[in-house]
Amino acid sequence: MAVNTQPLSSIAEARARRLALPRYLQLDGSRYLLGLVVILCLMSLIVLVQTGAVATRGYALAQLQTQQTEILRERSQLMVRLARAQSLERVRLRAAEIGLRPYTEDQVRYLMLPQPVEPEELP
């Protein structure tokens, strides 16, 4: 077991050490330089993080633009298919395939409906 053989310091000595503390905290030239290096490193790190974020967003934007181009091409192809499917010639061929034919005059029936009676106004 270690034993401290030095006598306890007096209050005056403790006060003197406390008053001398700011002297230890004073920055000399090398400490200013070290502080400056730390600040520059932090600023460089911030710039690198921002550059990385911008690059990542740029790649994501390029990928989204590629997807947009593909979707627009697919939409155009679907519009062409729709136009072909709705063409009159295609509709006629499909109707003939399922057995439909144009109507004849004897198949036409007209119904004559009487004019509706307007309700009388209530007093």
C-alpha atoms as a PDB file:
ATOM      1  CA  MET A   1       0.000   0.000   0.000  1.00  0.00           C
ATOM      2  CA  ALA A   2       1.277   3.447  -0.972  1.00  0.00           C
ATOM      3  CA  VAL A   3       1.490   6.072   1.650  1.00  0.00           C
ATOM      4  CA  ASN A   4       1.688   9.783   0.950  1.00  0.00           C
ATOM      5  CA  THR A   5       4.355  11.263   3.175  1.00  0.00           C
ATOM      6  CA  GLN A   6       3.997  14.841   1.980  1.00  0.00           C
ATOM      7  CA  PRO A   7       2.268  17.154   4.362  1.00  0.00           C
ATOM      8  CA  LEU A   8      -1.167  18.439   3.450  1.00  0.00           C
ATOM      9  CA  SER A   9      -1.082  21.741   1.654  1.00  0.00           C
ATOM     10  CA  SER A  10      -2.362  24.800   3.319  1.00  0.00           C
ATOM     11  CA  ILE A  11      -5.299  26.876   2.142  1.00  0.00           C
ATOM     12  CA  ALA A  12      -2.908  29.532   0.886  1.00  0.00           C
ATOM     13  CA  GLU A  13      -1.128  27.021  -1.340  1.00  0.00           C
ATOM     14  CA  ALA A  14      -4.451  25.735  -2.712  1.00  0.00           C
ATOM     15  CA  ARG A  15      -5.524  29.280  -3.450  1.00  0.00           C
ATOM     16  CA  ALA A  16      -2.237  29.987  -5.219  1.00  0.00           C
ATOM     17  CA  ARG A  17      -2.671  26.879  -7.392  1.00  0.00           C
ATOM     18  CA  ARG A  18      -6.236  27.886  -8.239  1.00  0.00           C
ATOM     19  CA  LEU A  19      -5.107  31.354  -9.263  1.00  0.00           C
ATOM     20  CA  ALA A  20      -2.324  29.828 -11.394  1.00  0.00           C
ATOM     21  CA  LEU A  21      -4.797  27.605 -13.320  1.00  0.00           C
ATOM     22  CA  PRO A  22      -5.529  30.151 -16.103  1.00  0.00           C
ATOM     23  CA  ARG A  23      -1.815  30.149 -16.845  1.00  0.00           C
ATOM     24  CA  TYR A  24      -2.074  26.462 -17.780  1.00  0.00           C
ATOM     25  CA  LEU A  25      -5.061  27.135 -20.009  1.00  0.00           C
ATOM     26  CA  GLN A  26      -3.395  29.935 -21.938  1.00  0.00           C
ATOM     27  CA  LEU A  27      -2.791  29.009 -25.561  1.00  0.00           C
ATOM     28  CA  ASP A  28       0.631  29.452 -27.008  1.00  0.00           C
ATOM     29  CA  GLY A  29       1.464  29.371 -30.754  1.00  0.00           C
ATOM     30  CA  SER A  30       1.424  25.576 -31.127  1.00  0.00           C
ATOM     31  CA  ARG A  31      -1.993  25.297 -29.485  1.00  0.00           C
ATOM     32  CA  TYR A  32      -3.419  27.926 -31.848  1.00  0.00           C
ATOM     33  CA  LEU A  33      -1.983  25.974 -34.759  1.00  0.00           C
ATOM     34  CA  LEU A  34      -3.484  22.738 -33.429  1.00  0.00           C
ATOM     35  CA  GLY A  35      -6.883  24.425 -33.047  1.00  0.00           C
ATOM     36  CA  LEU A  36      -6.667  25.753 -36.590  1.00  0.00           C
ATOM     37  CA  VAL A  37      -5.827  22.275 -37.925  1.00  0.00           C
ATOM     38  CA  VAL A  38      -8.799  20.774 -36.094  1.00  0.00           C
ATOM     39  CA  ILE A  39     -11.142  23.437 -37.498  1.00  0.00           C
ATOM     40  CA  LEU A  40      -9.823  22.889 -41.037  1.00  0.00           C
ATOM     41  CA  CYS A  41     -10.275  19.127 -40.676  1.00  0.00           C
ATOM     42  CA  LEU A  42     -13.871  19.596 -39.555  1.00  0.00           C
ATOM     43  CA  MET A  43     -14.578  21.939 -42.458  1.00  0.00           C
ATOM     44  CA  SER A  44     -13.038  19.465 -44.913  1.00  0.00           C
ATOM     45  CA  LEU A  45     -15.138  16.671 -43.445  1.00  0.00           C
ATOM     46  CA  ILE A  46     -18.291  18.751 -43.866  1.00  0.00           C
ATOM     47  CA  VAL A  47     -17.416  19.474 -47.504  1.00  0.00           C
ATOM     48  CA  LEU A  48     -16.766  15.775 -48.167  1.00  0.00           C
ATOM     49  CA  VAL A  49     -20.084  14.766 -46.620  1.00  0.00           C
ATOM     50  CA  GLN A  50     -21.946  17.352 -48.702  1.00  0.00           C
ATOM     51  CA  THR A  51     -20.164  16.240 -51.881  1.00  0.00           C
ATOM     52  CA  GLY A  52     -21.057  12.627 -51.170  1.00  0.00           C
ATOM     53  CA  ALA A  53     -24.704  13.540 -50.598  1.00  0.00           C
ATOM     54  CA  VAL A  54     -24.839  15.522 -53.850  1.00  0.00           C
ATOM     55  CA  ALA A  55     -23.229  12.658 -55.788  1.00  0.00           C
ATOM     56  CA  THR A  56     -25.674  10.137 -54.317  1.00  0.00           C
ATOM     57  CA  ARG A  57     -28.646  12.316 -55.241  1.00  0.00           C
ATOM     58  CA  GLY A  58     -27.202  12.783 -58.729  1.00  0.00           C
ATOM     59  CA  TYR A  59     -27.023   9.016 -59.247  1.00  0.00           C
ATOM     60  CA  ALA A  60     -30.573   8.614 -57.959  1.00  0.00           C
ATOM     61  CA  LEU A  61     -31.778  11.369 -60.288  1.00  0.00           C
ATOM     62  CA  ALA A  62     -30.081   9.743 -63.278  1.00  0.00           C
ATOM     63  CA  GLN A  63     -31.706   6.414 -62.403  1.00  0.00           C
ATOM     64  CA  LEU A  64     -35.143   8.047 -62.117  1.00  0.00           C
ATOM     65  CA  GLN A  65     -34.685   9.741 -65.497  1.00  0.00           C
ATOM     66  CA  THR A  66     -33.804   6.371 -67.037  1.00  0.00           C
ATOM     67  CA  GLN A  67     -36.934   4.836 -65.524  1.00  0.00           C
ATOM     68  CA  GLN A  68     -39.011   7.737 -66.822  1.00  0.00           C
ATOM     69  CA  THR A  69     -37.679   7.186 -70.341  1.00  0.00           C
ATOM     70  CA  GLU A  70     -38.483   3.461 -70.167  1.00  0.00           C
ATOM     71  CA  ILE A  71     -41.995   4.121 -68.873  1.00  0.00           C
ATOM     72  CA  LEU A  72     -42.654   6.694 -71.616  1.00  0.00           C
ATOM     73  CA  ARG A  73     -41.525   4.173 -74.251  1.00  0.00           C
ATOM     74  CA  GLU A  74     -43.778   1.512 -72.774  1.00  0.00           C
ATOM     75  CA  ARG A  75     -46.676   3.989 -72.706  1.00  0.00           C
ATOM     76  CA  SER A  76     -46.120   4.811 -76.379  1.00  0.00           C
ATOM     77  CA  GLN A  77     -46.130   1.119 -77.278  1.00  0.00           C
ATOM     78  CA  LEU A  78     -49.339   0.583 -75.320  1.00  0.00           C
ATOM     79  CA  MET A  79     -50.980   3.560 -77.029  1.00  0.00           C
ATOM     80  CA  VAL A  80     -50.087   2.068 -80.428  1.00  0.00           C
ATOM     81  CA  ARG A  81     -51.528  -1.296 -79.377  1.00  0.00           C
ATOM     82  CA  LEU A  82     -54.702   0.421 -78.157  1.00  0.00           C
ATOM     83  CA  ALA A  83     -55.086   2.322 -81.417  1.00  0.00           C
ATOM     84  CA  ARG A  84     -54.679  -0.897 -83.413  1.00  0.00           C
ATOM     85  CA  ALA A  85     -57.185  -2.725 -81.209  1.00  0.00           C
ATOM     86  CA  GLN A  86     -59.755   0.060 -81.612  1.00  0.00           C
ATOM     87  CA  SER A  87     -59.439   0.409 -85.384  1.00  0.00           C
ATOM     88  CA  LEU A  88     -62.695  -0.234 -87.261  1.00  0.00           C
ATOM     89  CA  GLU A  89     -61.198  -2.951 -89.415  1.00  0.00           C
ATOM     90  CA  ARG A  90     -59.996  -4.830 -86.334  1.00  0.00           C
ATOM     91  CA  VAL A  91     -63.431  -4.434 -84.692  1.00  0.00           C
ATOM     92  CA  ARG A  92     -65.134  -5.804 -87.849  1.00  0.00           C
ATOM     93  CA  LEU A  93     -62.805  -8.799 -87.986  1.00  0.00           C
ATOM     94  CA  ARG A  94     -63.314  -9.552 -84.296  1.00  0.00           C
ATOM     95  CA  ALA A  95     -67.108  -9.241 -84.667  1.00  0.00           C
ATOM     96  CA  ALA A  96     -67.028 -11.651 -87.612  1.00  0.00           C
ATOM     97  CA  GLU A  97     -64.927 -14.100 -85.575  1.00  0.00           C
ATOM     98  CA  ILE A  98     -67.510 -14.248 -82.794  1.00  0.00           C
ATOM     99  CA  GLY A  99     -70.426 -14.497 -85.214  1.00  0.00           C
ATOM    100  CA  LEU A 100     -71.859 -10.981 -85.245  1.00  0.00           C
ATOM    101  CA  ARG A 101     -73.194  -9.524 -88.474  1.00  0.00           C
ATOM    102  CA  PRO A 102     -74.740  -6.181 -89.523  1.00  0.00           C
ATOM    103  CA  TYR A 103     -78.461  -5.743 -88.824  1.00  0.00           C
ATOM    104  CA  THR A 104     -81.075  -5.923 -91.564  1.00  0.00           C
ATOM    105  CA  GLU A 105     -84.092  -3.638 -92.076  1.00  0.00           C
ATOM    106  CA  ASP A 106     -86.580  -6.265 -90.892  1.00  0.00           C
ATOM    107  CA  GLN A 107     -84.752  -6.493 -87.558  1.00  0.00           C
ATOM    108  CA  VAL A 108     -85.270  -2.818 -86.748  1.00  0.00           C
ATOM    109  CA  ARG A 109     -88.139  -2.056 -84.372  1.00  0.00           C
ATOM    110  CA  TYR A 110     -89.226   1.403 -83.311  1.00  0.00           C
ATOM    111  CA  LEU A 111     -91.236   2.083 -80.185  1.00  0.00           C
ATOM    112  CA  MET A 112     -93.461   5.120 -79.884  1.00  0.00           C
ATOM    113  CA  LEU A 113     -93.714   6.349 -76.331  1.00  0.00           C
ATOM    114  CA  PRO A 114     -96.470   8.678 -75.247  1.00  0.00           C
ATOM    115  CA  GLN A 115     -95.498  12.096 -73.964  1.00  0.00           C
ATOM    116  CA  PRO A 116     -95.178  12.075 -70.194  1.00  0.00           C
ATOM    117  CA  VAL A 117     -97.965  13.786 -68.346  1.00  0.00           C
ATOM    118  CA  GLU A 118     -96.803  16.655 -66.226  1.00  0.00           C
ATOM    119  CA  PRO A 119     -97.914  16.396 -62.624  1.00  0.00           C
ATOM    120  CA  GLU A 120    -100.511  18.865 -61.537  1.00  0.00           C
ATOM    121  CA  GLU A 121     -99.450  21.540 -59.159  1.00  0.00           C
ATOM    122  CA  LEU A 122    -100.584  21.023 -55.597  1.00  0.00           C
ATOM    123  CA  PRO A 123    -102.572  23.850 -53.959  1.00  0.00           C
END
